[in-house]
Amino acid sequence: MSQEIYLHHPTFGLLFRVCQLSQGQELFTTIYNQRFFFLVTARSEGIGIELINRISANSLMEKHLRQLRRTGLIQEYNQLMVSYRQIFD
């Protein structure tokens, strides 16, 4: 069962976590229109939020999907592929 994670941004409002890319690095998008994407990084001094374009978000997500497929995490791959298609198709 997947866990939904949200983050409140002071300018863009409620953000939804698309996926965890690596340890301490996650991809978020605006909850309503999924046009703005954010790379959220947990650091020792706090959380960093970087606005990235749709092409970069697509590339990061495809890279993560390839990594899941290579490591044999099929269930996680299938769940993320559903999200990928909803957002980028």
PDB file of N, CA and C in Angstrom:
ATOM      1  N   MET A   1       0.840  -1.173   0.000  1.00  0.00           N
ATOM      2  CA  MET A   1       0.000   0.000   0.000  1.00  0.00           C
ATOM      3  C   MET A   1       0.884   1.236   0.000  1.00  0.00           C
ATOM      4  N   SER A   2       0.654   2.125  -0.919  1.00  0.00           N
ATOM      5  CA  SER A   2       1.502   3.304  -1.021  1.00  0.00           C
ATOM      6  C   SER A   2       1.016   4.388  -0.069  1.00  0.00           C
ATOM      7  N   GLN A   3       1.942   5.192   0.351  1.00  0.00           N
ATOM      8  CA  GLN A   3       1.648   6.272   1.280  1.00  0.00           C
ATOM      9  C   GLN A   3       1.719   7.589   0.522  1.00  0.00           C
ATOM     10  N   GLU A   4       0.666   8.394   0.631  1.00  0.00           N
ATOM     11  CA  GLU A   4       0.659   9.701  -0.020  1.00  0.00           C
ATOM     12  C   GLU A   4       1.327  10.709   0.899  1.00  0.00           C
ATOM     13  N   ILE A   5       2.215  11.506   0.321  1.00  0.00           N
ATOM     14  CA  ILE A   5       2.946  12.510   1.088  1.00  0.00           C
ATOM     15  C   ILE A   5       2.735  13.860   0.428  1.00  0.00           C
ATOM     16  N   TYR A   6       2.430  14.862   1.246  1.00  0.00           N
ATOM     17  CA  TYR A   6       2.178  16.211   0.762  1.00  0.00           C
ATOM     18  C   TYR A   6       3.136  17.179   1.432  1.00  0.00           C
ATOM     19  N   LEU A   7       3.357  18.293   0.769  1.00  0.00           N
ATOM     20  CA  LEU A   7       4.224  19.347   1.274  1.00  0.00           C
ATOM     21  C   LEU A   7       3.561  20.673   0.941  1.00  0.00           C
ATOM     22  N   HIS A   8       3.563  21.595   1.883  1.00  0.00           N
ATOM     23  CA  HIS A   8       2.961  22.897   1.610  1.00  0.00           C
ATOM     24  C   HIS A   8       4.052  23.890   1.212  1.00  0.00           C
ATOM     25  N   HIS A   9       3.907  24.465   0.028  1.00  0.00           N
ATOM     26  CA  HIS A   9       4.830  25.475  -0.478  1.00  0.00           C
ATOM     27  C   HIS A   9       4.153  26.831  -0.313  1.00  0.00           C
ATOM     28  N   PRO A  10       4.869  27.846   0.183  1.00  0.00           N
ATOM     29  CA  PRO A  10       4.224  29.146   0.434  1.00  0.00           C
ATOM     30  C   PRO A  10       3.685  29.837  -0.816  1.00  0.00           C
ATOM     31  N   THR A  11       4.258  29.582  -1.973  1.00  0.00           N
ATOM     32  CA  THR A  11       3.807  30.225  -3.211  1.00  0.00           C
ATOM     33  C   THR A  11       2.909  29.321  -4.037  1.00  0.00           C
ATOM     34  N   PHE A  12       3.284  28.071  -4.184  1.00  0.00           N
ATOM     35  CA  PHE A  12       2.584  27.159  -5.085  1.00  0.00           C
ATOM     36  C   PHE A  12       1.519  26.310  -4.398  1.00  0.00           C
ATOM     37  N   GLY A  13       1.400  26.413  -3.102  1.00  0.00           N
ATOM     38  CA  GLY A  13       0.364  25.683  -2.378  1.00  0.00           C
ATOM     39  C   GLY A  13       0.747  24.243  -2.101  1.00  0.00           C
ATOM     40  N   LEU A  14      -0.249  23.383  -2.143  1.00  0.00           N
ATOM     41  CA  LEU A  14      -0.060  21.989  -1.779  1.00  0.00           C
ATOM     42  C   LEU A  14       0.647  21.220  -2.892  1.00  0.00           C
ATOM     43  N   LEU A  15       1.724  20.541  -2.521  1.00  0.00           N
ATOM     44  CA  LEU A  15       2.495  19.723  -3.455  1.00  0.00           C
ATOM     45  C   LEU A  15       2.315  18.255  -3.090  1.00  0.00           C
ATOM     46  N   PHE A  16       2.300  17.418  -4.107  1.00  0.00           N
ATOM     47  CA  PHE A  16       2.104  15.983  -3.956  1.00  0.00           C
ATOM     48  C   PHE A  16       3.395  15.265  -4.333  1.00  0.00           C
ATOM     49  N   ARG A  17       3.810  14.303  -3.506  1.00  0.00           N
ATOM     50  CA  ARG A  17       5.031  13.554  -3.828  1.00  0.00           C
ATOM     51  C   ARG A  17       4.741  12.538  -4.924  1.00  0.00           C
ATOM     52  N   VAL A  18       5.475  12.664  -6.015  1.00  0.00           N
ATOM     53  CA  VAL A  18       5.356  11.734  -7.133  1.00  0.00           C
ATOM     54  C   VAL A  18       6.148  10.469  -6.822  1.00  0.00           C
ATOM     55  N   CYS A  19       7.409  10.653  -6.410  1.00  0.00           N
ATOM     56  CA  CYS A  19       8.231   9.491  -6.068  1.00  0.00           C
ATOM     57  C   CYS A  19       9.478   9.933  -5.314  1.00  0.00           C
ATOM     58  N   GLN A  20      10.086   8.962  -4.656  1.00  0.00           N
ATOM     59  CA  GLN A  20      11.381   9.170  -4.028  1.00  0.00           C
ATOM     60  C   GLN A  20      12.424   8.740  -5.039  1.00  0.00           C
ATOM     61  N   LEU A  21      13.305   9.662  -5.419  1.00  0.00           N
ATOM     62  CA  LEU A  21      14.307   9.376  -6.443  1.00  0.00           C
ATOM     63  C   LEU A  21      15.524   8.665  -5.867  1.00  0.00           C
ATOM     64  N   SER A  22      15.940   9.102  -4.698  1.00  0.00           N
ATOM     65  CA  SER A  22      17.080   8.499  -4.016  1.00  0.00           C
ATOM     66  C   SER A  22      16.964   8.864  -2.546  1.00  0.00           C
ATOM     67  N   GLN A  23      17.915   8.425  -1.764  1.00  0.00           N
ATOM     68  CA  GLN A  23      17.893   8.748  -0.345  1.00  0.00           C
ATOM     69  C   GLN A  23      18.008  10.258  -0.168  1.00  0.00           C
ATOM     70  N   GLY A  24      16.981  10.868   0.398  1.00  0.00           N
ATOM     71  CA  GLY A  24      17.002  12.305   0.648  1.00  0.00           C
ATOM     72  C   GLY A  24      16.609  13.164  -0.534  1.00  0.00           C
ATOM     73  N   GLN A  25      16.136  12.572  -1.620  1.00  0.00           N
ATOM     74  CA  GLN A  25      15.755  13.342  -2.807  1.00  0.00           C
ATOM     75  C   GLN A  25      14.428  12.813  -3.358  1.00  0.00           C
ATOM     76  N   GLU A  26      13.447  13.728  -3.478  1.00  0.00           N
ATOM     77  CA  GLU A  26      12.112  13.338  -3.913  1.00  0.00           C
ATOM     78  C   GLU A  26      11.597  14.299  -4.977  1.00  0.00           C
ATOM     79  N   LEU A  27      10.685  13.794  -5.798  1.00  0.00           N
ATOM     80  CA  LEU A  27      10.062  14.594  -6.846  1.00  0.00           C
ATOM     81  C   LEU A  27       8.627  14.900  -6.433  1.00  0.00           C
ATOM     82  N   PHE A  28       8.283  16.187  -6.430  1.00  0.00           N
ATOM     83  CA  PHE A  28       6.938  16.646  -6.087  1.00  0.00           C
ATOM     84  C   PHE A  28       6.358  17.409  -7.263  1.00  0.00           C
ATOM     85  N   THR A  29       5.026  17.503  -7.303  1.00  0.00           N
ATOM     86  CA  THR A  29       4.337  18.308  -8.305  1.00  0.00           C
ATOM     87  C   THR A  29       3.171  19.027  -7.644  1.00  0.00           C
ATOM     88  N   THR A  30       2.680  20.071  -8.299  1.00  0.00           N
ATOM     89  CA  THR A  30       1.492  20.746  -7.785  1.00  0.00           C
ATOM     90  C   THR A  30       0.327  19.770  -7.858  1.00  0.00           C
ATOM     91  N   ILE A  31      -0.523  19.819  -6.883  1.00  0.00           N
ATOM     92  CA  ILE A  31      -1.551  18.790  -6.746  1.00  0.00           C
ATOM     93  C   ILE A  31      -2.658  18.901  -7.784  1.00  0.00           C
ATOM     94  N   TYR A  32      -2.992  20.092  -8.227  1.00  0.00           N
ATOM     95  CA  TYR A  32      -4.162  20.240  -9.086  1.00  0.00           C
ATOM     96  C   TYR A  32      -3.863  20.105 -10.572  1.00  0.00           C
ATOM     97  N   ASN A  33      -2.873  20.799 -11.074  1.00  0.00           N
ATOM     98  CA  ASN A  33      -2.665  20.760 -12.524  1.00  0.00           C
ATOM     99  C   ASN A  33      -1.393  20.033 -12.955  1.00  0.00           C
ATOM    100  N   GLN A  34      -0.535  19.671 -12.054  1.00  0.00           N
ATOM    101  CA  GLN A  34       0.698  18.931 -12.330  1.00  0.00           C
ATOM    102  C   GLN A  34       1.507  19.563 -13.458  1.00  0.00           C
ATOM    103  N   ARG A  35       1.642  20.886 -13.382  1.00  0.00           N
ATOM    104  CA  ARG A  35       2.435  21.616 -14.372  1.00  0.00           C
ATOM    105  C   ARG A  35       3.783  22.051 -13.820  1.00  0.00           C
ATOM    106  N   PHE A  36       3.859  22.221 -12.516  1.00  0.00           N
ATOM    107  CA  PHE A  36       5.106  22.626 -11.879  1.00  0.00           C
ATOM    108  C   PHE A  36       5.668  21.436 -11.113  1.00  0.00           C
ATOM    109  N   PHE A  37       6.979  21.248 -11.245  1.00  0.00           N
ATOM    110  CA  PHE A  37       7.641  20.131 -10.584  1.00  0.00           C
ATOM    111  C   PHE A  37       8.758  20.664  -9.700  1.00  0.00           C
ATOM    112  N   PHE A  38       8.990  19.962  -8.601  1.00  0.00           N
ATOM    113  CA  PHE A  38       9.961  20.400  -7.611  1.00  0.00           C
ATOM    114  C   PHE A  38      10.837  19.228  -7.203  1.00  0.00           C
ATOM    115  N   LEU A  39      12.130  19.487  -7.151  1.00  0.00           N
ATOM    116  CA  LEU A  39      13.085  18.520  -6.637  1.00  0.00           C
ATOM    117  C   LEU A  39      13.328  18.910  -5.182  1.00  0.00           C
ATOM    118  N   VAL A  40      12.910  18.060  -4.267  1.00  0.00           N
ATOM    119  CA  VAL A  40      13.024  18.345  -2.835  1.00  0.00           C
ATOM    120  C   VAL A  40      14.159  17.500  -2.284  1.00  0.00           C
ATOM    121  N   THR A  41      15.112  18.180  -1.662  1.00  0.00           N
ATOM    122  CA  THR A  41      16.296  17.519  -1.136  1.00  0.00           C
ATOM    123  C   THR A  41      16.397  17.776   0.361  1.00  0.00           C
ATOM    124  N   ALA A  42      16.547  16.708   1.130  1.00  0.00           N
ATOM    125  CA  ALA A  42      16.741  16.822   2.574  1.00  0.00           C
ATOM    126  C   ALA A  42      18.233  16.944   2.844  1.00  0.00           C
ATOM    127  N   ARG A  43      18.596  18.021   3.499  1.00  0.00           N
ATOM    128  CA  ARG A  43      20.003  18.271   3.846  1.00  0.00           C
ATOM    129  C   ARG A  43      20.119  18.444   5.353  1.00  0.00           C
ATOM    130  N   SER A  44      21.332  18.456   5.842  1.00  0.00           N
ATOM    131  CA  SER A  44      21.540  18.629   7.282  1.00  0.00           C
ATOM    132  C   SER A  44      21.072  20.005   7.754  1.00  0.00           C
ATOM    133  N   GLU A  45      21.147  21.009   6.883  1.00  0.00           N
ATOM    134  CA  GLU A  45      20.723  22.361   7.264  1.00  0.00           C
ATOM    135  C   GLU A  45      19.251  22.634   6.980  1.00  0.00           C
ATOM    136  N   GLY A  46      18.535  21.657   6.450  1.00  0.00           N
ATOM    137  CA  GLY A  46      17.106  21.826   6.180  1.00  0.00           C
ATOM    138  C   GLY A  46      16.718  21.229   4.842  1.00  0.00           C
ATOM    139  N   ILE A  47      15.527  21.578   4.406  1.00  0.00           N
ATOM    140  CA  ILE A  47      14.999  21.058   3.144  1.00  0.00           C
ATOM    141  C   ILE A  47      15.242  22.062   2.031  1.00  0.00           C
ATOM    142  N   GLY A  48      15.730  21.580   0.898  1.00  0.00           N
ATOM    143  CA  GLY A  48      15.900  22.413  -0.287  1.00  0.00           C
ATOM    144  C   GLY A  48      14.810  22.094  -1.295  1.00  0.00           C
ATOM    145  N   ILE A  49      14.175  23.127  -1.835  1.00  0.00           N
ATOM    146  CA  ILE A  49      13.120  22.945  -2.832  1.00  0.00           C
ATOM    147  C   ILE A  49      13.533  23.687  -4.090  1.00  0.00           C
ATOM    148  N   GLU A  50      13.708  22.931  -5.171  1.00  0.00           N
ATOM    149  CA  GLU A  50      14.142  23.508  -6.448  1.00  0.00           C
ATOM    150  C   GLU A  50      13.059  23.291  -7.502  1.00  0.00           C
ATOM    151  N   LEU A  51      12.608  24.367  -8.114  1.00  0.00           N
ATOM    152  CA  LEU A  51      11.636  24.287  -9.199  1.00  0.00           C
ATOM    153  C   LEU A  51      12.353  23.771 -10.445  1.00  0.00           C
ATOM    154  N   ILE A  52      11.819  22.704 -11.050  1.00  0.00           N
ATOM    155  CA  ILE A  52      12.416  22.160 -12.268  1.00  0.00           C
ATOM    156  C   ILE A  52      11.352  22.098 -13.358  1.00  0.00           C
ATOM    157  N   ASN A  53      11.794  22.056 -14.599  1.00  0.00           N
ATOM    158  CA  ASN A  53      10.825  22.026 -15.701  1.00  0.00           C
ATOM    159  C   ASN A  53      10.297  20.609 -15.926  1.00  0.00           C
ATOM    160  N   ARG A  54       9.266  20.520 -16.732  1.00  0.00           N
ATOM    161  CA  ARG A  54       8.588  19.248 -17.001  1.00  0.00           C
ATOM    162  C   ARG A  54       9.520  18.230 -17.659  1.00  0.00           C
ATOM    163  N   ILE A  55      10.375  18.689 -18.548  1.00  0.00           N
ATOM    164  CA  ILE A  55      11.311  17.789 -19.232  1.00  0.00           C
ATOM    165  C   ILE A  55      12.296  17.176 -18.236  1.00  0.00           C
ATOM    166  N   SER A  56      12.801  17.989 -17.321  1.00  0.00           N
ATOM    167  CA  SER A  56      13.725  17.475 -16.303  1.00  0.00           C
ATOM    168  C   SER A  56      13.033  16.485 -15.378  1.00  0.00           C
ATOM    169  N   ALA A  57      11.797  16.794 -14.997  1.00  0.00           N
ATOM    170  CA  ALA A  57      11.034  15.883 -14.137  1.00  0.00           C
ATOM    171  C   ALA A  57      10.797  14.555 -14.850  1.00  0.00           C
ATOM    172  N   ASN A  58      10.446  14.630 -16.123  1.00  0.00           N
ATOM    173  CA  ASN A  58      10.229  13.432 -16.933  1.00  0.00           C
ATOM    174  C   ASN A  58      11.513  12.603 -16.987  1.00  0.00           C
ATOM    175  N   SER A  59      12.628  13.252 -17.222  1.00  0.00           N
ATOM    176  CA  SER A  59      13.916  12.574 -17.311  1.00  0.00           C
ATOM    177  C   SER A  59      14.293  11.904 -15.988  1.00  0.00           C
ATOM    178  N   LEU A  60      14.097  12.608 -14.877  1.00  0.00           N
ATOM    179  CA  LEU A  60      14.409  12.038 -13.566  1.00  0.00           C
ATOM    180  C   LEU A  60      13.543  10.820 -13.269  1.00  0.00           C
ATOM    181  N   MET A  61      12.273  10.916 -13.623  1.00  0.00           N
ATOM    182  CA  MET A  61      11.359   9.809 -13.364  1.00  0.00           C
ATOM    183  C   MET A  61      11.685   8.607 -14.249  1.00  0.00           C
ATOM    184  N   GLU A  62      12.026   8.843 -15.516  1.00  0.00           N
ATOM    185  CA  GLU A  62      12.413   7.744 -16.405  1.00  0.00           C
ATOM    186  C   GLU A  62      13.683   7.061 -15.908  1.00  0.00           C
ATOM    187  N   LYS A  63      14.629   7.849 -15.434  1.00  0.00           N
ATOM    188  CA  LYS A  63      15.870   7.288 -14.885  1.00  0.00           C
ATOM    189  C   LYS A  63      15.565   6.401 -13.677  1.00  0.00           C
ATOM    190  N   HIS A  64      14.669   6.871 -12.820  1.00  0.00           N
ATOM    191  CA  HIS A  64      14.299   6.091 -11.637  1.00  0.00           C
ATOM    192  C   HIS A  64      13.562   4.807 -12.037  1.00  0.00           C
ATOM    193  N   LEU A  65      12.701   4.890 -13.041  1.00  0.00           N
ATOM    194  CA  LEU A  65      12.002   3.699 -13.536  1.00  0.00           C
ATOM    195  C   LEU A  65      12.992   2.661 -14.069  1.00  0.00           C
ATOM    196  N   ARG A  66      13.990   3.112 -14.821  1.00  0.00           N
ATOM    197  CA  ARG A  66      15.014   2.190 -15.339  1.00  0.00           C
ATOM    198  C   ARG A  66      15.766   1.505 -14.197  1.00  0.00           C
ATOM    199  N   GLN A  67      16.077   2.286 -13.171  1.00  0.00           N
ATOM    200  CA  GLN A  67      16.792   1.741 -12.020  1.00  0.00           C
ATOM    201  C   GLN A  67      15.943   0.679 -11.306  1.00  0.00           C
ATOM    202  N   LEU A  68      14.661   0.943 -11.136  1.00  0.00           N
ATOM    203  CA  LEU A  68      13.777  -0.034 -10.495  1.00  0.00           C
ATOM    204  C   LEU A  68      13.696  -1.316 -11.316  1.00  0.00           C
ATOM    205  N   ARG A  69      13.598  -1.173 -12.623  1.00  0.00           N
ATOM    206  CA  ARG A  69      13.504  -2.346 -13.503  1.00  0.00           C
ATOM    207  C   ARG A  69      14.797  -3.167 -13.451  1.00  0.00           C
ATOM    208  N   ARG A  70      15.949  -2.477 -13.472  1.00  0.00           N
ATOM    209  CA  ARG A  70      17.248  -3.175 -13.429  1.00  0.00           C
ATOM    210  C   ARG A  70      17.451  -3.941 -12.126  1.00  0.00           C
ATOM    211  N   THR A  71      16.975  -3.363 -11.025  1.00  0.00           N
ATOM    212  CA  THR A  71      17.179  -4.003  -9.722  1.00  0.00           C
ATOM    213  C   THR A  71      16.104  -5.035  -9.398  1.00  0.00           C
ATOM    214  N   GLY A  72      15.117  -5.196 -10.282  1.00  0.00           N
ATOM    215  CA  GLY A  72      14.110  -6.230 -10.099  1.00  0.00           C
ATOM    216  C   GLY A  72      12.974  -5.876  -9.160  1.00  0.00           C
ATOM    217  N   LEU A  73      12.814  -4.612  -8.863  1.00  0.00           N
ATOM    218  CA  LEU A  73      11.718  -4.173  -7.992  1.00  0.00           C
ATOM    219  C   LEU A  73      10.467  -3.943  -8.842  1.00  0.00           C
ATOM    220  N   ILE A  74       9.865  -5.041  -9.271  1.00  0.00           N
ATOM    221  CA  ILE A  74       8.782  -5.002 -10.251  1.00  0.00           C
ATOM    222  C   ILE A  74       7.524  -4.345  -9.695  1.00  0.00           C
ATOM    223  N   GLN A  75       7.160  -4.631  -8.453  1.00  0.00           N
ATOM    224  CA  GLN A  75       5.953  -4.033  -7.878  1.00  0.00           C
ATOM    225  C   GLN A  75       6.085  -2.513  -7.802  1.00  0.00           C
ATOM    226  N   GLU A  76       7.227  -2.026  -7.329  1.00  0.00           N
ATOM    227  CA  GLU A  76       7.463  -0.588  -7.256  1.00  0.00           C
ATOM    228  C   GLU A  76       7.486   0.032  -8.653  1.00  0.00           C
ATOM    229  N   TYR A  77       8.093  -0.697  -9.589  1.00  0.00           N
ATOM    230  CA  TYR A  77       8.147  -0.236 -10.979  1.00  0.00           C
ATOM    231  C   TYR A  77       6.740  -0.072 -11.543  1.00  0.00           C
ATOM    232  N   ASN A  78       5.890  -1.072 -11.355  1.00  0.00           N
ATOM    233  CA  ASN A  78       4.526  -1.021 -11.886  1.00  0.00           C
ATOM    234  C   ASN A  78       3.715   0.113 -11.270  1.00  0.00           C
ATOM    235  N   GLN A  79       3.861   0.321  -9.952  1.00  0.00           N
ATOM    236  CA  GLN A  79       3.150   1.414  -9.283  1.00  0.00           C
ATOM    237  C   GLN A  79       3.607   2.767  -9.819  1.00  0.00           C
ATOM    238  N   LEU A  80       4.910   2.925  -9.975  1.00  0.00           N
ATOM    239  CA  LEU A  80       5.437   4.194 -10.463  1.00  0.00           C
ATOM    240  C   LEU A  80       5.084   4.416 -11.930  1.00  0.00           C
ATOM    241  N   MET A  81       5.016   3.364 -12.711  1.00  0.00           N
ATOM    242  CA  MET A  81       4.645   3.485 -14.121  1.00  0.00           C
ATOM    243  C   MET A  81       3.218   4.009 -14.266  1.00  0.00           C
ATOM    244  N   VAL A  82       2.330   3.614 -13.384  1.00  0.00           N
ATOM    245  CA  VAL A  82       0.955   4.132 -13.403  1.00  0.00           C
ATOM    246  C   VAL A  82       0.976   5.643 -13.183  1.00  0.00           C
ATOM    247  N   SER A  83       1.729   6.092 -12.192  1.00  0.00           N
ATOM    248  CA  SER A  83       1.846   7.533 -11.928  1.00  0.00           C
ATOM    249  C   SER A  83       2.487   8.257 -13.102  1.00  0.00           C
ATOM    250  N   TYR A  84       3.521   7.647 -13.665  1.00  0.00           N
ATOM    251  CA  TYR A  84       4.220   8.250 -14.800  1.00  0.00           C
ATOM    252  C   TYR A  84       3.254   8.494 -15.961  1.00  0.00           C
ATOM    253  N   ARG A  85       2.458   7.490 -16.275  1.00  0.00           N
ATOM    254  CA  ARG A  85       1.506   7.620 -17.386  1.00  0.00           C
ATOM    255  C   ARG A  85       0.437   8.666 -17.097  1.00  0.00           C
ATOM    256  N   GLN A  86      -0.025   8.748 -15.854  1.00  0.00           N
ATOM    257  CA  GLN A  86      -1.036   9.743 -15.497  1.00  0.00           C
ATOM    258  C   GLN A  86      -0.493  11.161 -15.637  1.00  0.00           C
ATOM    259  N   ILE A  87       0.762  11.342 -15.311  1.00  0.00           N
ATOM    260  CA  ILE A  87       1.348  12.686 -15.317  1.00  0.00           C
ATOM    261  C   ILE A  87       1.863  13.085 -16.691  1.00  0.00           C
ATOM    262  N   PHE A  88       2.546  12.188 -17.395  1.00  0.00           N
ATOM    263  CA  PHE A  88       3.256  12.574 -18.610  1.00  0.00           C
ATOM    264  C   PHE A  88       2.609  12.126 -19.920  1.00  0.00           C
ATOM    265  N   ASP A  89       1.573  11.329 -19.884  1.00  0.00           N
ATOM    266  CA  ASP A  89       0.898  10.933 -21.132  1.00  0.00           C
ATOM    267  C   ASP A  89      -0.223  11.892 -21.474  1.00  0.00           C
TER     268      ASP A  89
END
